[in-house]
């Protein structure tokens, strides 16, 4: 079976986000004063093949040990048949 994984990685709320703050300030300077609390993250797509249980286990390992830093970042994923 083939699967597509969509992975979302964001900084934990307690971690400062200087990139998000820069974007927030830029938006304010462009007269978008109603925008606040901008946070920047990563979006990653992967295609995997195999049995669903094995793919989910592999995906968990990839996300936690390669694509994110669990100390500073939260990560979630969606897995769908491709």
Protein backbone atom coordinates (compact mmCIF):
# COMPACT_ATOMS: atom_id res chain seq x y z
CA UNK A 1 0.00 0.00 0.00
CA UNK A 2 1.20 3.56 -0.74
CA UNK A 3 0.67 6.45 1.67
CA UNK A 4 1.20 10.18 1.68
CA UNK A 5 2.21 11.80 4.95
CA UNK A 6 1.69 15.50 5.64
CA UNK A 7 3.86 16.68 8.52
CA UNK A 8 3.49 19.94 10.43
CA UNK A 9 6.28 21.13 12.73
CA UNK A 10 5.92 24.25 14.90
CA UNK A 11 7.82 25.76 17.77
CA UNK A 12 6.36 25.04 21.18
CA UNK A 13 4.42 28.01 22.58
CA UNK A 14 7.07 28.62 25.25
CA UNK A 15 9.85 29.01 22.63
CA UNK A 16 10.45 32.48 21.19
CA UNK A 17 9.93 32.72 17.42
CA UNK A 18 12.14 35.54 16.04
CA UNK A 19 11.17 34.73 12.45
CA UNK A 20 7.48 34.94 13.32
CA UNK A 21 8.07 38.22 15.16
CA UNK A 22 9.86 39.66 12.10
CA UNK A 23 6.94 38.72 9.85
CA UNK A 24 4.51 40.20 12.37
CA UNK A 25 6.41 43.51 12.37
CA UNK A 26 6.59 43.54 8.56
CA UNK A 27 2.84 43.02 8.32
CA UNK A 28 2.26 45.84 10.78
CA UNK A 29 4.44 48.15 8.68
CA UNK A 30 2.31 47.22 5.67
CA UNK A 31 -0.82 48.42 7.52
CA UNK A 32 -1.98 44.99 8.65
CA UNK A 33 -2.15 46.04 12.32
CA UNK A 34 -4.84 43.48 13.16
CA UNK A 35 -2.43 40.54 12.66
CA UNK A 36 -0.71 39.22 15.77
CA UNK A 37 1.02 36.24 17.31
CA UNK A 38 2.65 35.07 14.05
CA UNK A 39 4.42 31.72 14.37
CA UNK A 40 6.52 30.17 11.60
CA UNK A 41 6.75 26.41 11.11
CA UNK A 42 7.58 23.71 8.59
CA UNK A 43 5.33 21.67 6.31
CA UNK A 44 6.74 18.46 4.83
CA UNK A 45 5.21 15.83 2.53
CA UNK A 46 6.52 12.27 2.30
CA UNK A 47 5.38 9.28 0.27
CA UNK A 48 5.84 5.91 1.94
CA UNK A 49 4.92 2.36 1.04
CA UNK A 50 4.30 -0.73 3.13
CA UNK A 51 1.88 -2.06 5.70
CA UNK A 52 0.05 0.70 7.57
CA UNK A 53 1.31 -0.24 11.04
CA UNK A 54 4.93 -0.35 9.83
CA UNK A 55 4.56 2.94 7.94
CA UNK A 56 3.07 4.65 11.01
CA UNK A 57 5.93 3.40 13.19
CA UNK A 58 8.50 4.51 10.63
CA UNK A 59 6.82 7.90 10.25
CA UNK A 60 6.80 8.44 14.03
CA UNK A 61 10.55 7.71 14.13
CA UNK A 62 11.27 10.02 11.17
CA UNK A 63 9.25 12.89 12.62
CA UNK A 64 10.61 12.62 16.16
CA UNK A 65 14.27 11.92 15.31
CA UNK A 66 14.92 13.61 11.97
CA UNK A 67 12.35 16.27 11.07
CA UNK A 68 11.78 17.86 14.46
CA UNK A 69 13.42 18.60 17.77
CA UNK A 70 10.96 17.33 20.41
CA UNK A 71 12.51 19.61 23.05
CA UNK A 72 11.65 22.79 21.12
CA UNK A 73 9.04 21.75 18.57
CA UNK A 74 5.64 20.16 18.38
CA UNK A 75 4.96 17.89 15.43
CA UNK A 76 1.86 16.24 14.06
CA UNK A 77 1.12 14.34 10.90
CA UNK A 78 -1.67 13.10 8.72
CA UNK A 79 -1.38 9.83 6.86
CA UNK A 80 -3.61 8.99 3.89
CA UNK A 81 -3.61 6.40 1.16
CA UNK A 82 -1.98 7.74 -1.98
